[in-house]
Amino acid sequence: MRPNLALLLVCFLVTTELYGQTQFLVITNKKTNVTRKIKEGKVVFVHDIQGPFSKGKLEILNDSTIKVNQIHFALANISRVKRKTTLSKVVGGIFVTVGTIFFIHAASGQAKGYIDLTGAFNFLGTVSSSVGVTALVVGGRYHKKKWRYSIESK
């Protein structure tokens, strides 16, 4: 009975090792060697040198090819990769919410007291919402001129 248990344990460890590997699209800055990793399955925007672009979940096919939304991209032909970071989503959401609160407060007339602050609240709402929308849209952009693309498995 002991040999069967050992065999079962070995099979489990080998299976876990095979299926437990995660792959990353590694983006390295050409000047500073700063590295960014995008895990397989994350949503990315990929632009090709010849024009087509696609948004979708990142799938890594091999060492030189990725697939996004059923379109294959060779790493050598990618002109730009873009992704939205968690920080940009959180900061953007907070600023848009704060801007909306300023707009509602100004529109409800409660900004009028001893001094009429409606204009100031409208200005703060506009600035805050603009910063929030910018944070949501920009995210991380990695152009081929400054960044080098490769694949890493762990």
N, C-alpha and C. Protein backbone atom coordinates (compact mmCIF):
# COMPACT_ATOMS: atom_id res chain seq x y z
N MET A 1 0.82 -1.19 0.00
CA MET A 1 0.00 0.00 0.00
C MET A 1 0.86 1.25 0.00
N ARG A 2 2.00 1.22 0.62
CA ARG A 2 2.89 2.37 0.65
C ARG A 2 3.39 2.78 -0.72
N PRO A 3 3.81 1.85 -1.60
CA PRO A 3 4.30 2.25 -2.92
C PRO A 3 3.21 2.97 -3.73
N ASN A 4 1.96 2.58 -3.59
CA ASN A 4 0.88 3.24 -4.31
C ASN A 4 0.71 4.68 -3.84
N LEU A 5 0.84 4.90 -2.54
CA LEU A 5 0.73 6.24 -1.99
C LEU A 5 1.85 7.13 -2.51
N ALA A 6 3.07 6.60 -2.58
CA ALA A 6 4.20 7.37 -3.09
C ALA A 6 4.01 7.69 -4.57
N LEU A 7 3.51 6.74 -5.34
CA LEU A 7 3.26 6.96 -6.76
C LEU A 7 2.18 8.02 -6.95
N LEU A 8 1.15 7.96 -6.16
CA LEU A 8 0.08 8.95 -6.22
C LEU A 8 0.60 10.35 -5.89
N LEU A 9 1.45 10.46 -4.88
CA LEU A 9 2.04 11.74 -4.51
C LEU A 9 2.92 12.30 -5.62
N VAL A 10 3.73 11.46 -6.25
CA VAL A 10 4.58 11.90 -7.36
C VAL A 10 3.74 12.37 -8.53
N CYS A 11 2.70 11.63 -8.88
CA CYS A 11 1.81 12.03 -9.98
C CYS A 11 1.14 13.36 -9.68
N PHE A 12 0.71 13.55 -8.44
CA PHE A 12 0.08 14.81 -8.05
C PHE A 12 1.05 15.98 -8.20
N LEU A 13 2.29 15.80 -7.74
CA LEU A 13 3.27 16.88 -7.82
C LEU A 13 3.63 17.21 -9.26
N VAL A 14 3.77 16.21 -10.11
CA VAL A 14 4.08 16.45 -11.53
C VAL A 14 2.92 17.17 -12.21
N THR A 15 1.70 16.75 -11.94
CA THR A 15 0.52 17.38 -12.53
C THR A 15 0.41 18.83 -12.08
N THR A 16 0.64 19.07 -10.79
CA THR A 16 0.58 20.43 -10.27
C THR A 16 1.64 21.29 -10.92
N GLU A 17 2.82 20.77 -11.12
CA GLU A 17 3.89 21.53 -11.75
C GLU A 17 3.56 21.86 -13.20
N LEU A 18 2.96 20.93 -13.91
CA LEU A 18 2.63 21.16 -15.31
C LEU A 18 1.53 22.20 -15.48
N TYR A 19 0.48 22.08 -14.67
CA TYR A 19 -0.64 23.00 -14.80
C TYR A 19 -0.46 24.27 -13.99
N GLY A 20 0.47 24.32 -13.10
CA GLY A 20 0.67 25.47 -12.24
C GLY A 20 1.54 26.56 -12.85
N GLN A 21 2.05 26.35 -14.06
CA GLN A 21 2.91 27.35 -14.66
C GLN A 21 2.08 28.52 -15.17
N THR A 22 2.53 29.71 -14.84
CA THR A 22 1.89 30.91 -15.36
C THR A 22 2.86 31.58 -16.32
N GLN A 23 2.30 32.21 -17.32
CA GLN A 23 3.11 32.90 -18.30
C GLN A 23 2.82 34.38 -18.27
N PHE A 24 3.86 35.17 -18.59
CA PHE A 24 3.76 36.61 -18.55
C PHE A 24 4.28 37.19 -19.86
N LEU A 25 3.69 38.29 -20.28
CA LEU A 25 4.29 39.13 -21.31
C LEU A 25 5.17 40.10 -20.55
N VAL A 26 6.47 40.01 -20.77
CA VAL A 26 7.43 40.85 -20.06
C VAL A 26 7.77 42.04 -20.94
N ILE A 27 7.61 43.23 -20.40
CA ILE A 27 7.89 44.46 -21.13
C ILE A 27 9.03 45.16 -20.41
N THR A 28 10.16 45.34 -21.10
CA THR A 28 11.37 45.90 -20.50
C THR A 28 11.73 47.21 -21.17
N ASN A 29 11.99 48.25 -20.36
CA ASN A 29 12.41 49.54 -20.90
C ASN A 29 13.81 49.40 -21.47
N LYS A 30 14.02 49.88 -22.69
CA LYS A 30 15.30 49.71 -23.38
C LYS A 30 16.42 50.51 -22.72
N LYS A 31 16.11 51.66 -22.13
CA LYS A 31 17.15 52.50 -21.52
C LYS A 31 17.45 52.13 -20.08
N THR A 32 16.39 51.95 -19.28
CA THR A 32 16.58 51.77 -17.84
C THR A 32 16.47 50.32 -17.37
N ASN A 33 16.06 49.41 -18.24
CA ASN A 33 15.84 48.00 -17.91
C ASN A 33 14.77 47.78 -16.85
N VAL A 34 13.85 48.74 -16.68
CA VAL A 34 12.71 48.56 -15.80
C VAL A 34 11.77 47.55 -16.46
N THR A 35 11.28 46.60 -15.67
CA THR A 35 10.47 45.52 -16.21
C THR A 35 9.04 45.61 -15.70
N ARG A 36 8.09 45.40 -16.61
CA ARG A 36 6.68 45.29 -16.27
C ARG A 36 6.22 43.92 -16.76
N LYS A 37 5.37 43.25 -15.99
CA LYS A 37 4.86 41.94 -16.38
C LYS A 37 3.35 42.00 -16.47
N ILE A 38 2.83 41.44 -17.55
CA ILE A 38 1.38 41.33 -17.72
C ILE A 38 1.06 39.85 -17.73
N LYS A 39 0.27 39.42 -16.76
CA LYS A 39 -0.07 38.01 -16.61
C LYS A 39 -1.06 37.58 -17.69
N GLU A 40 -0.89 36.35 -18.12
CA GLU A 40 -1.81 35.78 -19.11
C GLU A 40 -3.23 35.82 -18.55
N GLY A 41 -4.19 36.24 -19.37
CA GLY A 41 -5.58 36.34 -18.94
C GLY A 41 -6.01 37.76 -18.63
N LYS A 42 -5.06 38.69 -18.48
CA LYS A 42 -5.41 40.10 -18.24
C LYS A 42 -5.87 40.76 -19.53
N VAL A 43 -6.71 41.77 -19.41
CA VAL A 43 -7.21 42.49 -20.58
C VAL A 43 -6.15 43.50 -21.03
N VAL A 44 -5.82 43.45 -22.33
CA VAL A 44 -4.83 44.35 -22.91
C VAL A 44 -5.34 44.88 -24.25
N PHE A 45 -4.73 45.98 -24.69
CA PHE A 45 -4.94 46.51 -26.03
C PHE A 45 -3.63 46.30 -26.76
N VAL A 46 -3.65 45.67 -27.92
CA VAL A 46 -2.43 45.42 -28.68
C VAL A 46 -2.58 46.02 -30.08
N HIS A 47 -1.58 46.82 -30.49
CA HIS A 47 -1.56 47.42 -31.83
C HIS A 47 -0.45 46.77 -32.63
N ASP A 48 -0.75 46.41 -33.87
CA ASP A 48 0.22 45.81 -34.78
C ASP A 48 0.86 46.90 -35.63
N ILE A 49 2.07 46.65 -36.13
CA ILE A 49 2.77 47.59 -36.99
C ILE A 49 1.95 47.86 -38.25
N GLN A 50 1.28 46.84 -38.78
CA GLN A 50 0.55 46.98 -40.03
C GLN A 50 -0.85 47.57 -39.85
N GLY A 51 -1.24 47.88 -38.64
CA GLY A 51 -2.50 48.57 -38.45
C GLY A 51 -3.52 47.91 -37.56
N PRO A 52 -3.77 46.59 -37.66
CA PRO A 52 -4.85 46.03 -36.85
C PRO A 52 -4.56 46.15 -35.35
N PHE A 53 -5.63 46.35 -34.60
CA PHE A 53 -5.46 46.37 -33.15
C PHE A 53 -6.61 45.59 -32.55
N SER A 54 -6.37 45.08 -31.35
CA SER A 54 -7.36 44.25 -30.70
C SER A 54 -7.34 44.48 -29.20
N LYS A 55 -8.52 44.36 -28.60
CA LYS A 55 -8.66 44.44 -27.14
C LYS A 55 -9.25 43.13 -26.67
N GLY A 56 -8.66 42.56 -25.64
CA GLY A 56 -9.19 41.33 -25.08
C GLY A 56 -8.23 40.70 -24.10
N LYS A 57 -8.54 39.48 -23.71
CA LYS A 57 -7.68 38.77 -22.76
C LYS A 57 -6.43 38.27 -23.47
N LEU A 58 -5.30 38.42 -22.79
CA LEU A 58 -4.01 38.01 -23.31
C LEU A 58 -3.86 36.50 -23.21
N GLU A 59 -3.53 35.88 -24.34
CA GLU A 59 -3.19 34.46 -24.37
C GLU A 59 -1.80 34.34 -24.96
N ILE A 60 -0.94 33.57 -24.31
CA ILE A 60 0.42 33.38 -24.80
C ILE A 60 0.49 32.02 -25.48
N LEU A 61 0.83 32.04 -26.77
CA LEU A 61 0.87 30.82 -27.56
C LEU A 61 2.23 30.14 -27.49
N ASN A 62 3.31 30.93 -27.66
CA ASN A 62 4.68 30.40 -27.58
C ASN A 62 5.62 31.55 -27.26
N ASP A 63 6.92 31.35 -27.45
CA ASP A 63 7.91 32.36 -27.08
C ASP A 63 7.87 33.61 -27.95
N SER A 64 7.20 33.56 -29.09
CA SER A 64 7.23 34.71 -30.00
C SER A 64 5.85 35.16 -30.47
N THR A 65 4.78 34.54 -29.97
CA THR A 65 3.44 34.87 -30.45
C THR A 65 2.45 34.94 -29.29
N ILE A 66 1.58 35.97 -29.35
CA ILE A 66 0.49 36.09 -28.40
C ILE A 66 -0.82 36.14 -29.18
N LYS A 67 -1.92 35.91 -28.48
CA LYS A 67 -3.23 35.99 -29.11
C LYS A 67 -4.12 36.86 -28.23
N VAL A 68 -4.79 37.82 -28.90
CA VAL A 68 -5.73 38.69 -28.20
C VAL A 68 -7.01 38.72 -29.04
N ASN A 69 -8.11 38.27 -28.44
CA ASN A 69 -9.40 38.29 -29.10
C ASN A 69 -9.36 37.58 -30.46
N GLN A 70 -8.80 36.39 -30.50
CA GLN A 70 -8.72 35.53 -31.68
C GLN A 70 -7.79 36.06 -32.78
N ILE A 71 -7.00 37.09 -32.51
CA ILE A 71 -6.02 37.62 -33.48
C ILE A 71 -4.62 37.31 -32.97
N HIS A 72 -3.79 36.72 -33.83
CA HIS A 72 -2.42 36.37 -33.47
C HIS A 72 -1.50 37.56 -33.73
N PHE A 73 -0.60 37.83 -32.79
CA PHE A 73 0.38 38.91 -32.91
C PHE A 73 1.76 38.33 -32.65
N ALA A 74 2.66 38.50 -33.60
CA ALA A 74 4.07 38.15 -33.36
C ALA A 74 4.67 39.28 -32.53
N LEU A 75 5.50 38.95 -31.54
CA LEU A 75 6.10 39.99 -30.70
C LEU A 75 6.89 41.00 -31.52
N ALA A 76 7.52 40.54 -32.59
CA ALA A 76 8.32 41.43 -33.43
C ALA A 76 7.46 42.44 -34.18
N ASN A 77 6.17 42.15 -34.38
CA ASN A 77 5.29 43.04 -35.15
C ASN A 77 4.40 43.93 -34.29
N ILE A 78 4.54 43.86 -32.98
CA ILE A 78 3.71 44.68 -32.10
C ILE A 78 4.30 46.08 -32.01
N SER A 79 3.46 47.09 -32.24
CA SER A 79 3.94 48.47 -32.13
C SER A 79 3.63 49.07 -30.76
N ARG A 80 2.55 48.60 -30.11
CA ARG A 80 2.19 49.18 -28.81
C ARG A 80 1.32 48.21 -28.03
N VAL A 81 1.54 48.16 -26.73
CA VAL A 81 0.71 47.38 -25.81
C VAL A 81 0.19 48.36 -24.76
N LYS A 82 -1.08 48.23 -24.43
CA LYS A 82 -1.67 49.10 -23.43
C LYS A 82 -2.48 48.25 -22.46
N ARG A 83 -2.41 48.60 -21.19
CA ARG A 83 -3.24 47.93 -20.20
C ARG A 83 -3.68 48.94 -19.15
N LYS A 84 -4.80 48.66 -18.54
CA LYS A 84 -5.27 49.53 -17.47
C LYS A 84 -4.85 48.91 -16.15
N THR A 85 -4.14 49.68 -15.36
CA THR A 85 -3.66 49.19 -14.08
C THR A 85 -4.77 49.31 -13.03
N THR A 86 -4.65 48.56 -11.97
CA THR A 86 -5.62 48.64 -10.88
C THR A 86 -5.60 50.03 -10.25
N LEU A 87 -4.41 50.61 -10.12
CA LEU A 87 -4.30 51.95 -9.55
C LEU A 87 -5.07 52.98 -10.38
N SER A 88 -4.93 52.92 -11.71
CA SER A 88 -5.63 53.89 -12.55
C SER A 88 -7.15 53.70 -12.45
N LYS A 89 -7.61 52.47 -12.31
CA LYS A 89 -9.04 52.23 -12.16
C LYS A 89 -9.57 52.80 -10.84
N VAL A 90 -8.82 52.57 -9.76
CA VAL A 90 -9.26 53.04 -8.44
C VAL A 90 -9.22 54.56 -8.36
N VAL A 91 -8.09 55.15 -8.76
CA VAL A 91 -7.95 56.62 -8.70
C VAL A 91 -8.97 57.29 -9.61
N GLY A 92 -9.15 56.74 -10.81
CA GLY A 92 -10.13 57.30 -11.74
C GLY A 92 -11.53 57.26 -11.16
N GLY A 93 -11.91 56.14 -10.58
CA GLY A 93 -13.23 56.01 -9.99
C GLY A 93 -13.46 56.98 -8.84
N ILE A 94 -12.44 57.16 -8.01
CA ILE A 94 -12.56 58.08 -6.87
C ILE A 94 -12.74 59.51 -7.36
N PHE A 95 -11.91 59.95 -8.32
CA PHE A 95 -11.99 61.33 -8.79
C PHE A 95 -13.30 61.60 -9.53
N VAL A 96 -13.79 60.65 -10.31
CA VAL A 96 -15.06 60.85 -11.00
C VAL A 96 -16.20 60.95 -9.97
N THR A 97 -16.15 60.13 -8.93
CA THR A 97 -17.17 60.18 -7.89
C THR A 97 -17.15 61.50 -7.14
N VAL A 98 -15.96 61.96 -6.78
CA VAL A 98 -15.84 63.25 -6.07
C VAL A 98 -16.33 64.39 -6.96
N GLY A 99 -15.97 64.37 -8.24
CA GLY A 99 -16.44 65.40 -9.17
C GLY A 99 -17.95 65.42 -9.28
N THR A 100 -18.55 64.24 -9.32
CA THR A 100 -20.01 64.15 -9.40
C THR A 100 -20.66 64.71 -8.14
N ILE A 101 -20.06 64.45 -6.99
CA ILE A 101 -20.59 65.00 -5.73
C ILE A 101 -20.54 66.52 -5.75
N PHE A 102 -19.44 67.10 -6.25
CA PHE A 102 -19.35 68.56 -6.35
C PHE A 102 -20.43 69.10 -7.29
N PHE A 103 -20.65 68.45 -8.43
CA PHE A 103 -21.68 68.90 -9.37
C PHE A 103 -23.07 68.84 -8.74
N ILE A 104 -23.37 67.76 -8.06
CA ILE A 104 -24.69 67.61 -7.43
C ILE A 104 -24.89 68.66 -6.34
N HIS A 105 -23.84 68.89 -5.56
CA HIS A 105 -23.92 69.87 -4.49
C HIS A 105 -24.14 71.27 -5.07
N ALA A 106 -23.45 71.60 -6.16
CA ALA A 106 -23.62 72.92 -6.78
C ALA A 106 -25.00 73.04 -7.41
N ALA A 107 -25.48 71.98 -8.04
CA ALA A 107 -26.78 72.03 -8.72
C ALA A 107 -27.94 72.08 -7.73
N SER A 108 -27.76 71.52 -6.56
CA SER A 108 -28.85 71.50 -5.58
C SER A 108 -29.02 72.86 -4.89
N GLY A 109 -28.07 73.76 -5.08
CA GLY A 109 -28.19 75.08 -4.49
C GLY A 109 -27.68 75.16 -3.07
N GLN A 110 -27.13 74.08 -2.53
CA GLN A 110 -26.64 74.10 -1.16
C GLN A 110 -25.27 74.75 -1.05
N ALA A 111 -24.68 75.10 -2.18
CA ALA A 111 -23.39 75.78 -2.14
C ALA A 111 -23.58 77.26 -1.83
N LYS A 112 -24.83 77.72 -1.80
CA LYS A 112 -25.11 79.12 -1.49
C LYS A 112 -25.27 79.25 0.01
N GLY A 113 -24.55 80.12 0.59
CA GLY A 113 -24.64 80.39 2.02
C GLY A 113 -24.33 81.85 2.18
N TYR A 114 -23.37 82.14 3.04
CA TYR A 114 -22.93 83.52 3.17
C TYR A 114 -22.25 83.98 1.88
N ILE A 115 -21.56 83.06 1.24
CA ILE A 115 -20.87 83.35 -0.03
C ILE A 115 -21.40 82.35 -1.05
N ASP A 116 -21.65 82.82 -2.27
CA ASP A 116 -22.13 81.91 -3.32
C ASP A 116 -20.94 81.10 -3.86
N LEU A 117 -20.91 79.79 -3.55
CA LEU A 117 -19.82 78.91 -3.96
C LEU A 117 -20.18 78.01 -5.13
N THR A 118 -21.29 78.31 -5.80
CA THR A 118 -21.73 77.45 -6.90
C THR A 118 -20.67 77.36 -8.00
N GLY A 119 -20.09 78.49 -8.37
CA GLY A 119 -19.06 78.51 -9.41
C GLY A 119 -17.83 77.72 -8.99
N ALA A 120 -17.44 77.87 -7.74
CA ALA A 120 -16.27 77.13 -7.24
C ALA A 120 -16.54 75.63 -7.23
N PHE A 121 -17.75 75.23 -6.83
CA PHE A 121 -18.07 73.81 -6.82
C PHE A 121 -18.14 73.24 -8.23
N ASN A 122 -18.68 74.02 -9.18
CA ASN A 122 -18.69 73.58 -10.57
C ASN A 122 -17.26 73.42 -11.10
N PHE A 123 -16.38 74.35 -10.76
CA PHE A 123 -14.97 74.28 -11.19
C PHE A 123 -14.31 73.04 -10.59
N LEU A 124 -14.48 72.82 -9.28
CA LEU A 124 -13.88 71.66 -8.63
C LEU A 124 -14.44 70.35 -9.20
N GLY A 125 -15.73 70.34 -9.52
CA GLY A 125 -16.33 69.16 -10.12
C GLY A 125 -15.76 68.87 -11.50
N THR A 126 -15.55 69.93 -12.28
CA THR A 126 -14.99 69.77 -13.63
C THR A 126 -13.56 69.26 -13.57
N VAL A 127 -12.74 69.86 -12.71
CA VAL A 127 -11.34 69.45 -12.59
C VAL A 127 -11.24 68.02 -12.08
N SER A 128 -11.98 67.71 -11.03
CA SER A 128 -11.92 66.37 -10.43
C SER A 128 -12.39 65.30 -11.43
N SER A 129 -13.48 65.56 -12.13
CA SER A 129 -13.97 64.59 -13.11
C SER A 129 -12.99 64.42 -14.27
N SER A 130 -12.38 65.52 -14.69
CA SER A 130 -11.40 65.45 -15.79
C SER A 130 -10.20 64.60 -15.39
N VAL A 131 -9.70 64.79 -14.19
CA VAL A 131 -8.57 63.98 -13.70
C VAL A 131 -8.98 62.50 -13.62
N GLY A 132 -10.19 62.23 -13.14
CA GLY A 132 -10.66 60.86 -13.03
C GLY A 132 -10.81 60.17 -14.37
N VAL A 133 -11.38 60.87 -15.35
CA VAL A 133 -11.55 60.28 -16.67
C VAL A 133 -10.19 60.04 -17.32
N THR A 134 -9.27 60.98 -17.14
CA THR A 134 -7.92 60.81 -17.68
C THR A 134 -7.23 59.59 -17.07
N ALA A 135 -7.36 59.42 -15.77
CA ALA A 135 -6.75 58.25 -15.11
C ALA A 135 -7.37 56.96 -15.60
N LEU A 136 -8.67 56.96 -15.88
CA LEU A 136 -9.32 55.75 -16.37
C LEU A 136 -8.90 55.41 -17.80
N VAL A 137 -8.67 56.44 -18.61
CA VAL A 137 -8.37 56.22 -20.02
C VAL A 137 -6.91 55.87 -20.25
N VAL A 138 -6.00 56.54 -19.56
CA VAL A 138 -4.58 56.43 -19.89
C VAL A 138 -4.01 55.06 -19.57
N GLY A 139 -3.96 54.63 -18.34
CA GLY A 139 -3.38 53.33 -18.00
C GLY A 139 -1.92 53.26 -18.38
N GLY A 140 -1.38 52.05 -18.56
CA GLY A 140 0.01 51.85 -18.95
C GLY A 140 0.13 51.70 -20.46
N ARG A 141 0.96 52.51 -21.10
CA ARG A 141 1.19 52.42 -22.54
C ARG A 141 2.65 52.09 -22.78
N TYR A 142 2.88 51.08 -23.59
CA TYR A 142 4.23 50.62 -23.84
C TYR A 142 4.48 50.56 -25.34
N HIS A 143 5.18 51.59 -25.86
CA HIS A 143 5.48 51.68 -27.29
C HIS A 143 6.76 50.92 -27.61
N LYS A 144 6.83 50.38 -28.81
CA LYS A 144 7.97 49.58 -29.24
C LYS A 144 9.26 50.40 -29.26
N LYS A 145 9.18 51.72 -29.46
CA LYS A 145 10.38 52.57 -29.50
C LYS A 145 11.12 52.54 -28.16
N LYS A 146 10.37 52.46 -27.06
CA LYS A 146 10.98 52.53 -25.73
C LYS A 146 11.02 51.20 -24.99
N TRP A 147 10.20 50.24 -25.42
CA TRP A 147 10.04 49.01 -24.66
C TRP A 147 10.34 47.78 -25.53
N ARG A 148 10.82 46.73 -24.90
CA ARG A 148 11.15 45.46 -25.55
C ARG A 148 10.19 44.40 -24.99
N TYR A 149 9.66 43.56 -25.87
CA TYR A 149 8.67 42.55 -25.47
C TYR A 149 9.29 41.15 -25.46
N SER A 150 8.94 40.35 -24.46
CA SER A 150 9.39 38.96 -24.39
C SER A 150 8.37 38.16 -23.56
N ILE A 151 8.55 36.84 -23.54
CA ILE A 151 7.64 35.95 -22.82
C ILE A 151 8.43 35.26 -21.70
N GLU A 152 7.80 35.13 -20.54
CA GLU A 152 8.44 34.44 -19.40
C GLU A 152 7.45 33.45 -18.81
N SER A 153 7.95 32.28 -18.46
CA SER A 153 7.12 31.25 -17.80
C SER A 153 7.65 31.02 -16.39
N LYS A 154 6.72 30.85 -15.46
CA LYS A 154 7.11 30.56 -14.07
C LYS A 154 6.40 29.33 -13.60
